[in-house]
Amino acid sequence: MSTDPTTRFRMRRVTSIKWLIEDLSLPEMHEARVVAHVYEVDDLEYDVVWLRDLGLAEHWMAPSEVLNAVIDKVSRPPRPAARRPVPIPHLPPIRERVSA
């Protein structure tokens, strides 16, 4: 399968108020193929049940926004590892420096 994020994921409507976001890089019967369930709450609110921890919101304004967020999240390069902070030299307060 393709590793291009735009073709790797698809949204499939399963009922009038429910969509599935699927990872097409996994086989049809693979347990991790479904990434999320998207449910229509009302015209401008959709709730998402995430089956993968992508760190994305649970409430959206459109199902297409959810799919785009998944694609964006997967296509971003991983964050660099955390580093120790840069040490800042300590100087005494200005009053102490002036009076000395």
PDB file of N, CA and C in Angstrom:
ATOM      1  N   MET A   1       0.826  -1.193   0.000  1.00  0.00           N
ATOM      2  CA  MET A   1       0.000   0.000   0.000  1.00  0.00           C
ATOM      3  C   MET A   1       0.866   1.251   0.000  1.00  0.00           C
ATOM      4  N   SER A   2       0.277   2.341  -0.343  1.00  0.00           N
ATOM      5  CA  SER A   2       0.985   3.615  -0.408  1.00  0.00           C
ATOM      6  C   SER A   2       1.261   4.156   0.997  1.00  0.00           C
ATOM      7  N   THR A   3       2.384   4.831   1.150  1.00  0.00           N
ATOM      8  CA  THR A   3       2.689   5.471   2.432  1.00  0.00           C
ATOM      9  C   THR A   3       2.328   6.950   2.408  1.00  0.00           C
ATOM     10  N   ASP A   4       1.829   7.451   1.291  1.00  0.00           N
ATOM     11  CA  ASP A   4       1.392   8.839   1.187  1.00  0.00           C
ATOM     12  C   ASP A   4       0.188   9.024   2.113  1.00  0.00           C
ATOM     13  N   PRO A   5       0.259   9.942   3.107  1.00  0.00           N
ATOM     14  CA  PRO A   5      -0.832  10.097   4.063  1.00  0.00           C
ATOM     15  C   PRO A   5      -2.173  10.441   3.432  1.00  0.00           C
ATOM     16  N   THR A   6      -2.165  11.144   2.279  1.00  0.00           N
ATOM     17  CA  THR A   6      -3.443  11.517   1.664  1.00  0.00           C
ATOM     18  C   THR A   6      -4.160  10.317   1.060  1.00  0.00           C
ATOM     19  N   THR A   7      -3.432   9.275   0.697  1.00  0.00           N
ATOM     20  CA  THR A   7      -4.083   8.067   0.180  1.00  0.00           C
ATOM     21  C   THR A   7      -4.072   6.943   1.207  1.00  0.00           C
ATOM     22  N   ARG A   8      -3.355   7.151   2.293  1.00  0.00           N
ATOM     23  CA  ARG A   8      -3.275   6.111   3.320  1.00  0.00           C
ATOM     24  C   ARG A   8      -4.547   6.036   4.150  1.00  0.00           C
ATOM     25  N   PHE A   9      -5.226   7.173   4.346  1.00  0.00           N
ATOM     26  CA  PHE A   9      -6.426   7.213   5.179  1.00  0.00           C
ATOM     27  C   PHE A   9      -7.646   7.552   4.344  1.00  0.00           C
ATOM     28  N   ARG A  10      -8.771   6.974   4.713  1.00  0.00           N
ATOM     29  CA  ARG A  10     -10.030   7.329   4.047  1.00  0.00           C
ATOM     30  C   ARG A  10     -11.145   7.351   5.089  1.00  0.00           C
ATOM     31  N   MET A  11     -12.180   8.126   4.766  1.00  0.00           N
ATOM     32  CA  MET A  11     -13.364   8.171   5.612  1.00  0.00           C
ATOM     33  C   MET A  11     -14.490   7.456   4.872  1.00  0.00           C
ATOM     34  N   ARG A  12     -15.135   6.560   5.596  1.00  0.00           N
ATOM     35  CA  ARG A  12     -16.222   5.778   4.992  1.00  0.00           C
ATOM     36  C   ARG A  12     -17.478   5.950   5.839  1.00  0.00           C
ATOM     37  N   ARG A  13     -18.558   6.362   5.185  1.00  0.00           N
ATOM     38  CA  ARG A  13     -19.837   6.535   5.896  1.00  0.00           C
ATOM     39  C   ARG A  13     -20.489   5.169   6.060  1.00  0.00           C
ATOM     40  N   VAL A  14     -20.864   4.837   7.300  1.00  0.00           N
ATOM     41  CA  VAL A  14     -21.477   3.535   7.551  1.00  0.00           C
ATOM     42  C   VAL A  14     -22.953   3.640   7.901  1.00  0.00           C
ATOM     43  N   THR A  15     -23.384   4.779   8.440  1.00  0.00           N
ATOM     44  CA  THR A  15     -24.809   5.049   8.660  1.00  0.00           C
ATOM     45  C   THR A  15     -25.039   6.530   8.352  1.00  0.00           C
ATOM     46  N   SER A  16     -26.263   6.986   8.572  1.00  0.00           N
ATOM     47  CA  SER A  16     -26.555   8.396   8.279  1.00  0.00           C
ATOM     48  C   SER A  16     -25.851   9.349   9.245  1.00  0.00           C
ATOM     49  N   ILE A  17     -25.403   8.847  10.403  1.00  0.00           N
ATOM     50  CA  ILE A  17     -24.741   9.721  11.380  1.00  0.00           C
ATOM     51  C   ILE A  17     -23.371   9.195  11.817  1.00  0.00           C
ATOM     52  N   LYS A  18     -22.845   8.190  11.159  1.00  0.00           N
ATOM     53  CA  LYS A  18     -21.575   7.617  11.598  1.00  0.00           C
ATOM     54  C   LYS A  18     -20.626   7.388  10.421  1.00  0.00           C
ATOM     55  N   TRP A  19     -19.319   7.750  10.641  1.00  0.00           N
ATOM     56  CA  TRP A  19     -18.258   7.513   9.672  1.00  0.00           C
ATOM     57  C   TRP A  19     -17.129   6.768  10.362  1.00  0.00           C
ATOM     58  N   LEU A  20     -16.353   6.052   9.578  1.00  0.00           N
ATOM     59  CA  LEU A  20     -15.137   5.419  10.069  1.00  0.00           C
ATOM     60  C   LEU A  20     -13.958   6.028   9.330  1.00  0.00           C
ATOM     61  N   ILE A  21     -12.878   6.280  10.049  1.00  0.00           N
ATOM     62  CA  ILE A  21     -11.627   6.668   9.408  1.00  0.00           C
ATOM     63  C   ILE A  21     -10.742   5.437   9.443  1.00  0.00           C
ATOM     64  N   GLU A  22     -10.311   5.002   8.254  1.00  0.00           N
ATOM     65  CA  GLU A  22      -9.556   3.761   8.125  1.00  0.00           C
ATOM     66  C   GLU A  22      -8.139   4.018   7.636  1.00  0.00           C
ATOM     67  N   ASP A  23      -7.227   3.199   8.107  1.00  0.00           N
ATOM     68  CA  ASP A  23      -5.833   3.220   7.681  1.00  0.00           C
ATOM     69  C   ASP A  23      -5.685   2.150   6.600  1.00  0.00           C
ATOM     70  N   LEU A  24      -5.587   2.575   5.352  1.00  0.00           N
ATOM     71  CA  LEU A  24      -5.560   1.637   4.228  1.00  0.00           C
ATOM     72  C   LEU A  24      -4.232   0.907   4.087  1.00  0.00           C
ATOM     73  N   SER A  25      -3.244   1.274   4.899  1.00  0.00           N
ATOM     74  CA  SER A  25      -1.967   0.561   4.837  1.00  0.00           C
ATOM     75  C   SER A  25      -2.039  -0.775   5.577  1.00  0.00           C
ATOM     76  N   LEU A  26      -3.131  -0.989   6.308  1.00  0.00           N
ATOM     77  CA  LEU A  26      -3.309  -2.245   7.046  1.00  0.00           C
ATOM     78  C   LEU A  26      -4.327  -3.127   6.332  1.00  0.00           C
ATOM     79  N   PRO A  27      -4.203  -4.454   6.486  1.00  0.00           N
ATOM     80  CA  PRO A  27      -5.152  -5.362   5.833  1.00  0.00           C
ATOM     81  C   PRO A  27      -6.591  -5.134   6.312  1.00  0.00           C
ATOM     82  N   GLU A  28      -7.537  -5.528   5.502  1.00  0.00           N
ATOM     83  CA  GLU A  28      -8.970  -5.334   5.764  1.00  0.00           C
ATOM     84  C   GLU A  28      -9.396  -5.810   7.158  1.00  0.00           C
ATOM     85  N   MET A  29      -8.923  -6.944   7.601  1.00  0.00           N
ATOM     86  CA  MET A  29      -9.364  -7.519   8.873  1.00  0.00           C
ATOM     87  C   MET A  29      -8.438  -7.183  10.048  1.00  0.00           C
ATOM     88  N   HIS A  30      -7.448  -6.343   9.843  1.00  0.00           N
ATOM     89  CA  HIS A  30      -6.518  -5.990  10.918  1.00  0.00           C
ATOM     90  C   HIS A  30      -7.250  -5.178  11.990  1.00  0.00           C
ATOM     91  N   GLU A  31      -6.975  -5.487  13.252  1.00  0.00           N
ATOM     92  CA  GLU A  31      -7.700  -4.836  14.347  1.00  0.00           C
ATOM     93  C   GLU A  31      -7.408  -3.338  14.473  1.00  0.00           C
ATOM     94  N   ALA A  32      -6.285  -2.887  13.969  1.00  0.00           N
ATOM     95  CA  ALA A  32      -5.932  -1.466  14.078  1.00  0.00           C
ATOM     96  C   ALA A  32      -6.269  -0.673  12.816  1.00  0.00           C
ATOM     97  N   ARG A  33      -6.963  -1.277  11.869  1.00  0.00           N
ATOM     98  CA  ARG A  33      -7.270  -0.572  10.617  1.00  0.00           C
ATOM     99  C   ARG A  33      -8.167   0.646  10.850  1.00  0.00           C
ATOM    100  N   VAL A  34      -9.143   0.535  11.740  1.00  0.00           N
ATOM    101  CA  VAL A  34     -10.030   1.666  12.022  1.00  0.00           C
ATOM    102  C   VAL A  34      -9.332   2.579  13.025  1.00  0.00           C
ATOM    103  N   VAL A  35      -9.159   3.819  12.635  1.00  0.00           N
ATOM    104  CA  VAL A  35      -8.469   4.814  13.459  1.00  0.00           C
ATOM    105  C   VAL A  35      -9.455   5.534  14.376  1.00  0.00           C
ATOM    106  N   ALA A  36     -10.673   5.806  13.873  1.00  0.00           N
ATOM    107  CA  ALA A  36     -11.642   6.578  14.656  1.00  0.00           C
ATOM    108  C   ALA A  36     -13.056   6.333  14.163  1.00  0.00           C
ATOM    109  N   HIS A  37     -14.006   6.539  15.066  1.00  0.00           N
ATOM    110  CA  HIS A  37     -15.433   6.566  14.744  1.00  0.00           C
ATOM    111  C   HIS A  37     -15.874   8.016  14.883  1.00  0.00           C
ATOM    112  N   VAL A  38     -16.559   8.540  13.887  1.00  0.00           N
ATOM    113  CA  VAL A  38     -17.038   9.924  13.900  1.00  0.00           C
ATOM    114  C   VAL A  38     -18.567   9.886  13.920  1.00  0.00           C
ATOM    115  N   TYR A  39     -19.170  10.570  14.899  1.00  0.00           N
ATOM    116  CA  TYR A  39     -20.623  10.576  15.064  1.00  0.00           C
ATOM    117  C   TYR A  39     -21.167  11.992  14.932  1.00  0.00           C
ATOM    118  N   GLU A  40     -22.260  12.137  14.198  1.00  0.00           N
ATOM    119  CA  GLU A  40     -22.915  13.441  14.071  1.00  0.00           C
ATOM    120  C   GLU A  40     -23.773  13.685  15.302  1.00  0.00           C
ATOM    121  N   VAL A  41     -23.530  14.803  15.991  1.00  0.00           N
ATOM    122  CA  VAL A  41     -24.339  15.191  17.143  1.00  0.00           C
ATOM    123  C   VAL A  41     -25.452  16.112  16.673  1.00  0.00           C
ATOM    124  N   ASP A  42     -25.075  17.118  15.887  1.00  0.00           N
ATOM    125  CA  ASP A  42     -26.043  17.999  15.224  1.00  0.00           C
ATOM    126  C   ASP A  42     -25.376  18.546  13.969  1.00  0.00           C
ATOM    127  N   ASP A  43     -25.981  19.536  13.329  1.00  0.00           N
ATOM    128  CA  ASP A  43     -25.461  20.034  12.050  1.00  0.00           C
ATOM    129  C   ASP A  43     -24.027  20.543  12.123  1.00  0.00           C
ATOM    130  N   LEU A  44     -23.631  21.080  13.260  1.00  0.00           N
ATOM    131  CA  LEU A  44     -22.304  21.680  13.370  1.00  0.00           C
ATOM    132  C   LEU A  44     -21.447  21.055  14.463  1.00  0.00           C
ATOM    133  N   GLU A  45     -21.781  19.859  14.904  1.00  0.00           N
ATOM    134  CA  GLU A  45     -20.977  19.205  15.931  1.00  0.00           C
ATOM    135  C   GLU A  45     -20.876  17.709  15.662  1.00  0.00           C
ATOM    136  N   TYR A  46     -19.639  17.247  15.681  1.00  0.00           N
ATOM    137  CA  TYR A  46     -19.348  15.840  15.461  1.00  0.00           C
ATOM    138  C   TYR A  46     -18.409  15.364  16.561  1.00  0.00           C
ATOM    139  N   ASP A  47     -18.735  14.247  17.165  1.00  0.00           N
ATOM    140  CA  ASP A  47     -17.887  13.669  18.203  1.00  0.00           C
ATOM    141  C   ASP A  47     -17.064  12.541  17.607  1.00  0.00           C
ATOM    142  N   VAL A  48     -15.856  12.392  18.126  1.00  0.00           N
ATOM    143  CA  VAL A  48     -14.939  11.372  17.622  1.00  0.00           C
ATOM    144  C   VAL A  48     -14.535  10.454  18.766  1.00  0.00           C
ATOM    145  N   VAL A  49     -14.586   9.161  18.507  1.00  0.00           N
ATOM    146  CA  VAL A  49     -14.050   8.164  19.426  1.00  0.00           C
ATOM    147  C   VAL A  49     -12.770   7.647  18.773  1.00  0.00           C
ATOM    148  N   TRP A  50     -11.635   7.998  19.372  1.00  0.00           N
ATOM    149  CA  TRP A  50     -10.340   7.631  18.812  1.00  0.00           C
ATOM    150  C   TRP A  50      -9.970   6.212  19.232  1.00  0.00           C
ATOM    151  N   LEU A  51      -9.550   5.414  18.281  1.00  0.00           N
ATOM    152  CA  LEU A  51      -9.069   4.072  18.568  1.00  0.00           C
ATOM    153  C   LEU A  51      -7.544   4.021  18.563  1.00  0.00           C
ATOM    154  N   ARG A  52      -6.922   5.132  18.186  1.00  0.00           N
ATOM    155  CA  ARG A  52      -5.472   5.324  18.276  1.00  0.00           C
ATOM    156  C   ARG A  52      -5.230   6.629  19.012  1.00  0.00           C
ATOM    157  N   ASP A  53      -4.181   6.667  19.792  1.00  0.00           N
ATOM    158  CA  ASP A  53      -3.865   7.883  20.529  1.00  0.00           C
ATOM    159  C   ASP A  53      -3.061   8.817  19.627  1.00  0.00           C
ATOM    160  N   LEU A  54      -3.762   9.745  18.989  1.00  0.00           N
ATOM    161  CA  LEU A  54      -3.111  10.721  18.119  1.00  0.00           C
ATOM    162  C   LEU A  54      -3.044  12.092  18.774  1.00  0.00           C
ATOM    163  N   GLY A  55      -3.625  12.230  19.949  1.00  0.00           N
ATOM    164  CA  GLY A  55      -3.593  13.514  20.633  1.00  0.00           C
ATOM    165  C   GLY A  55      -4.457  14.572  19.968  1.00  0.00           C
ATOM    166  N   LEU A  56      -5.530  14.163  19.322  1.00  0.00           N
ATOM    167  CA  LEU A  56      -6.418  15.103  18.627  1.00  0.00           C
ATOM    168  C   LEU A  56      -7.716  15.284  19.422  1.00  0.00           C
ATOM    169  N   ALA A  57      -8.436  16.340  19.116  1.00  0.00           N
ATOM    170  CA  ALA A  57      -9.668  16.698  19.827  1.00  0.00           C
ATOM    171  C   ALA A  57     -10.759  15.651  19.623  1.00  0.00           C
ATOM    172  N   GLU A  58     -11.744  15.699  20.506  1.00  0.00           N
ATOM    173  CA  GLU A  58     -12.879  14.780  20.422  1.00  0.00           C
ATOM    174  C   GLU A  58     -14.125  15.424  19.818  1.00  0.00           C
ATOM    175  N   HIS A  59     -14.097  16.735  19.599  1.00  0.00           N
ATOM    176  CA  HIS A  59     -15.256  17.457  19.050  1.00  0.00           C
ATOM    177  C   HIS A  59     -14.804  18.271  17.843  1.00  0.00           C
ATOM    178  N   TRP A  60     -15.576  18.167  16.754  1.00  0.00           N
ATOM    179  CA  TRP A  60     -15.222  18.827  15.496  1.00  0.00           C
ATOM    180  C   TRP A  60     -16.476  19.431  14.876  1.00  0.00           C
ATOM    181  N   MET A  61     -16.267  20.295  13.877  1.00  0.00           N
ATOM    182  CA  MET A  61     -17.392  20.924  13.189  1.00  0.00           C
ATOM    183  C   MET A  61     -17.769  20.218  11.891  1.00  0.00           C
ATOM    184  N   ALA A  62     -16.914  19.303  11.399  1.00  0.00           N
ATOM    185  CA  ALA A  62     -17.214  18.569  10.174  1.00  0.00           C
ATOM    186  C   ALA A  62     -16.384  17.293  10.138  1.00  0.00           C
ATOM    187  N   PRO A  63     -16.919  16.217   9.593  1.00  0.00           N
ATOM    188  CA  PRO A  63     -16.152  14.968   9.502  1.00  0.00           C
ATOM    189  C   PRO A  63     -14.883  15.129   8.666  1.00  0.00           C
ATOM    190  N   SER A  64     -14.936  15.938   7.629  1.00  0.00           N
ATOM    191  CA  SER A  64     -13.756  16.132   6.777  1.00  0.00           C
ATOM    192  C   SER A  64     -12.603  16.762   7.557  1.00  0.00           C
ATOM    193  N   GLU A  65     -12.910  17.603   8.567  1.00  0.00           N
ATOM    194  CA  GLU A  65     -11.876  18.197   9.401  1.00  0.00           C
ATOM    195  C   GLU A  65     -11.131  17.120  10.194  1.00  0.00           C
ATOM    196  N   VAL A  66     -11.851  16.099  10.610  1.00  0.00           N
ATOM    197  CA  VAL A  66     -11.235  15.007  11.372  1.00  0.00           C
ATOM    198  C   VAL A  66     -10.246  14.259  10.480  1.00  0.00           C
ATOM    199  N   LEU A  67     -10.679  13.922   9.286  1.00  0.00           N
ATOM    200  CA  LEU A  67      -9.794  13.226   8.352  1.00  0.00           C
ATOM    201  C   LEU A  67      -8.560  14.062   8.034  1.00  0.00           C
ATOM    202  N   ASN A  68      -8.752  15.348   7.773  1.00  0.00           N
ATOM    203  CA  ASN A  68      -7.617  16.233   7.480  1.00  0.00           C
ATOM    204  C   ASN A  68      -6.656  16.324   8.664  1.00  0.00           C
ATOM    205  N   ALA A  69      -7.195  16.332   9.888  1.00  0.00           N
ATOM    206  CA  ALA A  69      -6.339  16.391  11.077  1.00  0.00           C
ATOM    207  C   ALA A  69      -5.511  15.120  11.219  1.00  0.00           C
ATOM    208  N   VAL A  70      -6.102  13.976  10.918  1.00  0.00           N
ATOM    209  CA  VAL A  70      -5.357  12.705  10.972  1.00  0.00           C
ATOM    210  C   VAL A  70      -4.226  12.736   9.945  1.00  0.00           C
ATOM    211  N   ILE A  71      -4.537  13.149   8.742  1.00  0.00           N
ATOM    212  CA  ILE A  71      -3.524  13.212   7.677  1.00  0.00           C
ATOM    213  C   ILE A  71      -2.408  14.174   8.064  1.00  0.00           C
ATOM    214  N   ASP A  72      -2.766  15.355   8.590  1.00  0.00           N
ATOM    215  CA  ASP A  72      -1.752  16.331   9.013  1.00  0.00           C
ATOM    216  C   ASP A  72      -0.875  15.778  10.124  1.00  0.00           C
ATOM    217  N   LYS A  73      -1.495  15.121  11.093  1.00  0.00           N
ATOM    218  CA  LYS A  73      -0.755  14.582  12.233  1.00  0.00           C
ATOM    219  C   LYS A  73       0.248  13.518  11.790  1.00  0.00           C
ATOM    220  N   VAL A  74      -0.168  12.645  10.892  1.00  0.00           N
ATOM    221  CA  VAL A  74       0.699  11.557  10.442  1.00  0.00           C
ATOM    222  C   VAL A  74       1.787  12.063   9.503  1.00  0.00           C
ATOM    223  N   SER A  75       1.496  13.098   8.728  1.00  0.00           N
ATOM    224  CA  SER A  75       2.477  13.582   7.755  1.00  0.00           C
ATOM    225  C   SER A  75       3.521  14.514   8.368  1.00  0.00           C
ATOM    226  N   ARG A  76       3.278  15.032   9.582  1.00  0.00           N
ATOM    227  CA  ARG A  76       4.265  15.894  10.245  1.00  0.00           C
ATOM    228  C   ARG A  76       5.468  15.080  10.682  1.00  0.00           C
ATOM    229  N   PRO A  77       6.660  15.631  10.540  1.00  0.00           N
ATOM    230  CA  PRO A  77       7.833  14.910  11.053  1.00  0.00           C
ATOM    231  C   PRO A  77       7.766  14.832  12.571  1.00  0.00           C
ATOM    232  N   PRO A  78       8.322  13.775  13.152  1.00  0.00           N
ATOM    233  CA  PRO A  78       8.275  13.658  14.610  1.00  0.00           C
ATOM    234  C   PRO A  78       9.059  14.780  15.286  1.00  0.00           C
ATOM    235  N   ARG A  79       8.638  15.136  16.482  1.00  0.00           N
ATOM    236  CA  ARG A  79       9.315  16.198  17.227  1.00  0.00           C
ATOM    237  C   ARG A  79      10.687  15.708  17.675  1.00  0.00           C
ATOM    238  N   PRO A  80      11.665  16.595  17.680  1.00  0.00           N
ATOM    239  CA  PRO A  80      12.987  16.176  18.151  1.00  0.00           C
ATOM    240  C   PRO A  80      12.940  15.833  19.640  1.00  0.00           C
ATOM    241  N   ALA A  81      13.870  14.996  20.066  1.00  0.00           N
ATOM    242  CA  ALA A  81      13.923  14.605  21.471  1.00  0.00           C
ATOM    243  C   ALA A  81      14.190  15.821  22.347  1.00  0.00           C
ATOM    244  N   ALA A  82      13.676  15.772  23.551  1.00  0.00           N
ATOM    245  CA  ALA A  82      13.882  16.875  24.490  1.00  0.00           C
ATOM    246  C   ALA A  82      15.357  17.003  24.843  1.00  0.00           C
ATOM    247  N   ARG A  83      15.780  18.236  25.034  1.00  0.00           N
ATOM    248  CA  ARG A  83      17.170  18.504  25.410  1.00  0.00           C
ATOM    249  C   ARG A  83      17.189  19.211  26.753  1.00  0.00           C
ATOM    250  N   ARG A  84      18.337  19.156  27.388  1.00  0.00           N
ATOM    251  CA  ARG A  84      18.507  19.902  28.635  1.00  0.00           C
ATOM    252  C   ARG A  84      18.459  21.392  28.318  1.00  0.00           C
ATOM    253  N   PRO A  85      17.954  22.203  29.238  1.00  0.00           N
ATOM    254  CA  PRO A  85      17.915  23.645  28.988  1.00  0.00           C
ATOM    255  C   PRO A  85      19.317  24.243  28.897  1.00  0.00           C
ATOM    256  N   VAL A  86      19.424  25.329  28.175  1.00  0.00           N
ATOM    257  CA  VAL A  86      20.693  26.038  28.049  1.00  0.00           C
ATOM    258  C   VAL A  86      20.942  26.783  29.358  1.00  0.00           C
ATOM    259  N   PRO A  87      22.100  26.578  29.987  1.00  0.00           N
ATOM    260  CA  PRO A  87      22.354  27.281  31.257  1.00  0.00           C
ATOM    261  C   PRO A  87      22.479  28.793  31.029  1.00  0.00           C
ATOM    262  N   ILE A  88      21.902  29.555  31.936  1.00  0.00           N
ATOM    263  CA  ILE A  88      21.951  31.011  31.871  1.00  0.00           C
ATOM    264  C   ILE A  88      22.884  31.479  32.984  1.00  0.00           C
ATOM    265  N   PRO A  89      23.912  32.269  32.650  1.00  0.00           N
ATOM    266  CA  PRO A  89      24.823  32.713  33.697  1.00  0.00           C
ATOM    267  C   PRO A  89      24.092  33.578  34.718  1.00  0.00           C
ATOM    268  N   HIS A  90      24.428  33.383  35.975  1.00  0.00           N
ATOM    269  CA  HIS A  90      23.787  34.139  37.049  1.00  0.00           C
ATOM    270  C   HIS A  90      24.579  35.406  37.351  1.00  0.00           C
ATOM    271  N   LEU A  91      23.904  36.518  37.419  1.00  0.00           N
ATOM    272  CA  LEU A  91      24.499  37.789  37.818  1.00  0.00           C
ATOM    273  C   LEU A  91      23.721  38.308  39.018  1.00  0.00           C
ATOM    274  N   PRO A  92      24.394  38.920  39.972  1.00  0.00           N
ATOM    275  CA  PRO A  92      23.657  39.461  41.118  1.00  0.00           C
ATOM    276  C   PRO A  92      22.745  40.593  40.659  1.00  0.00           C
ATOM    277  N   PRO A  93      21.726  40.899  41.452  1.00  0.00           N
ATOM    278  CA  PRO A  93      20.834  42.008  41.093  1.00  0.00           C
ATOM    279  C   PRO A  93      21.618  43.303  40.871  1.00  0.00           C
ATOM    280  N   ILE A  94      21.082  44.231  40.083  1.00  0.00           N
ATOM    281  CA  ILE A  94      21.766  45.463  39.707  1.00  0.00           C
ATOM    282  C   ILE A  94      22.151  46.279  40.938  1.00  0.00           C
ATOM    283  N   ARG A  95      21.301  46.371  41.953  1.00  0.00           N
ATOM    284  CA  ARG A  95      21.602  47.148  43.154  1.00  0.00           C
ATOM    285  C   ARG A  95      22.888  46.653  43.807  1.00  0.00           C
ATOM    286  N   GLU A  96      23.065  45.365  43.879  1.00  0.00           N
ATOM    287  CA  GLU A  96      24.262  44.808  44.509  1.00  0.00           C
ATOM    288  C   GLU A  96      25.493  45.101  43.668  1.00  0.00           C
ATOM    289  N   ARG A  97      25.374  45.091  42.364  1.00  0.00           N
ATOM    290  CA  ARG A  97      26.528  45.362  41.508  1.00  0.00           C
ATOM    291  C   ARG A  97      26.949  46.827  41.589  1.00  0.00           C
ATOM    292  N   VAL A  98      25.992  47.740  41.708  1.00  0.00           N
ATOM    293  CA  VAL A  98      26.288  49.176  41.732  1.00  0.00           C
ATOM    294  C   VAL A  98      26.918  49.562  43.064  1.00  0.00           C
ATOM    295  N   SER A  99      26.431  49.035  44.176  1.00  0.00           N
ATOM    296  CA  SER A  99      26.926  49.435  45.489  1.00  0.00           C
ATOM    297  C   SER A  99      28.275  48.796  45.833  1.00  0.00           C
ATOM    298  N   ALA A 100      28.711  47.811  45.121  1.00  0.00           N
ATOM    299  CA  ALA A 100      29.982  47.137  45.443  1.00  0.00           C
ATOM    300  C   ALA A 100      31.177  47.877  44.948  1.00  0.00           C
TER     301      ALA A 100
END
